[in-house]
Structures are given as C-alpha cells and as structure tokens.
C-alpha atoms as a PDB file:
ATOM      1  CA  MET A   1       0.070  -0.061  -0.060  1.00  0.00           C
ATOM      2  CA  ASP A   2       1.531   3.280  -1.325  1.00  0.00           C
ATOM      3  CA  ILE A   3       1.805   6.136   1.749  1.00  0.00           C
ATOM      4  CA  VAL A   4      -1.273   8.215   0.457  1.00  0.00           C
ATOM      5  CA  LYS A   5      -3.697   5.462   0.799  1.00  0.00           C
ATOM      6  CA  ARG A   6      -2.165   4.356   4.092  1.00  0.00           C
ATOM      7  CA  PHE A   7      -2.626   7.756   5.297  1.00  0.00           C
ATOM      8  CA  ARG A   8      -6.257   8.004   4.085  1.00  0.00           C
ATOM      9  CA  THR A   9      -6.719   4.770   5.709  1.00  0.00           C
ATOM     10  CA  ILE A  10      -5.628   6.327   9.204  1.00  0.00           C
ATOM     11  CA  VAL A  11      -7.025   9.472   8.831  1.00  0.00           C
ATOM     12  CA  GLY A  12     -10.550   8.384   7.325  1.00  0.00           C
ATOM     13  CA  SER A  13     -10.914   5.900  10.279  1.00  0.00           C
ATOM     14  CA  TRP A  14     -10.796   8.905  12.985  1.00  0.00           C
ATOM     15  CA  ALA A  15     -13.976  10.199  14.428  1.00  0.00           C
ATOM     16  CA  PRO A  16     -14.303  13.762  13.478  1.00  0.00           C
ATOM     17  CA  SER A  17     -14.391  14.704  17.331  1.00  0.00           C
ATOM     18  CA  GLU A  18     -11.076  12.748  17.706  1.00  0.00           C
ATOM     19  CA  MET A  19      -9.310  14.692  14.482  1.00  0.00           C
ATOM     20  CA  GLN A  20     -10.368  17.827  15.996  1.00  0.00           C
ATOM     21  CA  LYS A  21      -8.700  16.928  19.424  1.00  0.00           C
ATOM     22  CA  SER A  22      -5.652  15.871  17.715  1.00  0.00           C
ATOM     23  CA  ILE A  23      -5.365  19.024  15.445  1.00  0.00           C
ATOM     24  CA  ASP A  24      -6.173  21.338  18.276  1.00  0.00           C
ATOM     25  CA  TYR A  25      -3.416  19.705  20.346  1.00  0.00           C
ATOM     26  CA  LYS A  26      -0.512  20.223  17.932  1.00  0.00           C
ATOM     27  CA  ALA A  27      -1.666  23.705  17.243  1.00  0.00           C
ATOM     28  CA  ARG A  28      -1.284  24.610  20.999  1.00  0.00           C
ATOM     29  CA  ASN A  29       2.018  22.539  20.979  1.00  0.00           C
ATOM     30  CA  ALA A  30       3.194  24.645  18.058  1.00  0.00           C
ATOM     31  CA  GLY A  31       1.740  28.109  19.566  1.00  0.00           C
ATOM     32  CA  LYS A  32      -1.173  28.328  17.038  1.00  0.00           C
ATOM     33  CA  ILE A  33      -4.692  29.219  17.080  1.00  0.00           C
ATOM     34  CA  ILE A  34      -7.607  27.497  15.778  1.00  0.00           C
ATOM     35  CA  ILE A  35     -10.549  29.279  14.408  1.00  0.00           C
ATOM     36  CA  ASN A  36     -13.701  26.837  13.553  1.00  0.00           C
ATOM     37  CA  VAL A  37     -15.709  28.271  10.579  1.00  0.00           C
ATOM     38  CA  ASN A  38     -19.097  27.063  10.099  1.00  0.00           C
ATOM     39  CA  SER A  39     -19.237  25.809   6.704  1.00  0.00           C
ATOM     40  CA  GLY A  40     -22.668  26.038   6.049  1.00  0.00           C
ATOM     41  CA  HIS A  41     -23.853  27.036   2.469  1.00  0.00           C
ATOM     42  CA  ARG A  42     -19.852  27.721   1.543  1.00  0.00           C
ATOM     43  CA  SER A  43     -20.381  25.412  -1.304  1.00  0.00           C
ATOM     44  CA  GLN A  44     -23.415  26.757  -2.432  1.00  0.00           C
ATOM     45  CA  ARG A  45     -22.763  30.466  -1.968  1.00  0.00           C
ATOM     46  CA  CYS A  46     -21.477  32.483  -4.894  1.00  0.00           C
ATOM     47  CA  SER A  47     -18.052  34.270  -4.078  1.00  0.00           C
ATOM     48  CA  LYS A  48     -18.731  36.910  -6.481  1.00  0.00           C
ATOM     49  CA  CYS A  49     -22.506  37.862  -5.887  1.00  0.00           C
ATOM     50  CA  GLY A  50     -23.487  35.901  -2.755  1.00  0.00           C
ATOM     51  CA  HIS A  51     -26.552  33.862  -4.493  1.00  0.00           C
ATOM     52  CA  VAL A  52     -26.815  30.783  -2.514  1.00  0.00           C
ATOM     53  CA  ASN A  53     -28.638  27.697  -4.358  1.00  0.00           C
ATOM     54  CA  LYS A  54     -27.811  24.153  -3.788  1.00  0.00           C
ATOM     55  CA  ASN A  55     -27.502  23.621  -7.617  1.00  0.00           C
ATOM     56  CA  ASN A  56     -24.784  26.005  -8.041  1.00  0.00           C
ATOM     57  CA  SER A  57     -22.038  23.520  -6.935  1.00  0.00           C
ATOM     58  CA  HIS A  58     -21.391  20.521  -9.869  1.00  0.00           C
ATOM     59  CA  GLY A  59     -18.384  18.739  -8.311  1.00  0.00           C
ATOM     60  CA  LEU A  60     -15.168  20.568  -9.143  1.00  0.00           C
ATOM     61  CA  ILE A  61     -16.657  23.513 -10.901  1.00  0.00           C
ATOM     62  CA  PHE A  62     -19.039  26.448  -9.351  1.00  0.00           C
ATOM     63  CA  ILE A  63     -21.067  27.873 -11.626  1.00  0.00           C
ATOM     64  CA  CYS A  64     -23.609  30.413 -10.016  1.00  0.00           C
ATOM     65  CA  ARG A  65     -27.033  30.417 -11.184  1.00  0.00           C
ATOM     66  CA  ASN A  66     -27.594  34.112 -10.948  1.00  0.00           C
ATOM     67  CA  CYS A  67     -24.439  35.745 -12.259  1.00  0.00           C
ATOM     68  CA  VAL A  68     -22.851  32.732 -13.909  1.00  0.00           C
ATOM     69  CA  PHE A  69     -19.449  33.120 -12.341  1.00  0.00           C
ATOM     70  CA  GLU A  70     -17.668  29.659 -13.114  1.00  0.00           C
ATOM     71  CA  PHE A  71     -14.889  28.970 -10.594  1.00  0.00           C
ATOM     72  CA  ASN A  72     -12.998  26.094  -9.009  1.00  0.00           C
ATOM     73  CA  ALA A  73     -15.501  25.054  -6.367  1.00  0.00           C
ATOM     74  CA  ASN A  74     -13.141  24.485  -3.680  1.00  0.00           C
ATOM     75  CA  LEU A  75     -11.436  28.011  -4.394  1.00  0.00           C
ATOM     76  CA  ASN A  76     -15.326  29.682  -4.473  1.00  0.00           C
ATOM     77  CA  ALA A  77     -15.634  27.885  -0.981  1.00  0.00           C
ATOM     78  CA  SER A  78     -12.311  29.012   0.529  1.00  0.00           C
ATOM     79  CA  ARG A  79     -13.077  32.861  -0.758  1.00  0.00           C
ATOM     80  CA  LYS A  80     -15.963  32.665   1.301  1.00  0.00           C
ATOM     81  CA  ILE A  81     -14.340  31.496   4.371  1.00  0.00           C
ATOM     82  CA  GLU A  82     -11.496  34.261   3.895  1.00  0.00           C
ATOM     83  CA  VAL A  83     -14.351  37.032   3.786  1.00  0.00           C
ATOM     84  CA  PHE A  84     -15.834  35.561   6.877  1.00  0.00           C
ATOM     85  CA  PHE A  85     -12.604  35.805   8.507  1.00  0.00           C
ATOM     86  CA  ILE A  86     -11.945  39.355   7.649  1.00  0.00           C
ATOM     87  CA  TYR A  87     -15.011  40.478   8.612  1.00  0.00           C
ATOM     88  CA  GLU A  88     -15.211  38.668  11.604  1.00  0.00           C
ATOM     89  CA  TYR A  89     -11.738  38.673  13.281  1.00  0.00           C
END
C-alpha cells in the first residue's frame, strides 16, 4: 500500500471529534490558534454575488445560477471563508 492510501486509511478511520482534538493539541504545542468556521452553504454560495443555490456546485466546478460566475468549487468556498475571517476577526 502506498503512503497516500495508508494515510487516508488512518485519517479516514478517525472520528471527527478525535481529529479535531488532535489538530487542537498539535496547534497549541506549536503556538498556533485554531478558529472553527461554520461551513454552512459555503459550497452553495457564490463568492462573486453572494447568491445561494444548492445547484450552484457541480463537482469540482462552481457555476452560479444567478451571475453565471464559473470557478473552481474549492477555491470559491475558500473565498467565502476568507471573507468571513476578514470581517469577523
């Protein structure tokens, strides 16, 4: 088994709460902070116009039903988290 598959097997078997505890522990030891962000509608909300539609995301491609903005789905969601972080912190 290659290292990537092995890593996925190990990490994929953890309960989400255990994963969070491990991340928090390692971050604290490294002097870092963790900020939990509610991910609600991040994959459905357009980072350009803010429109939310459950049909906006098509796998790896995000296409807004309102303004026809097309972008990588993961990058679109990360932009929404970035905007949240800037305004909240």
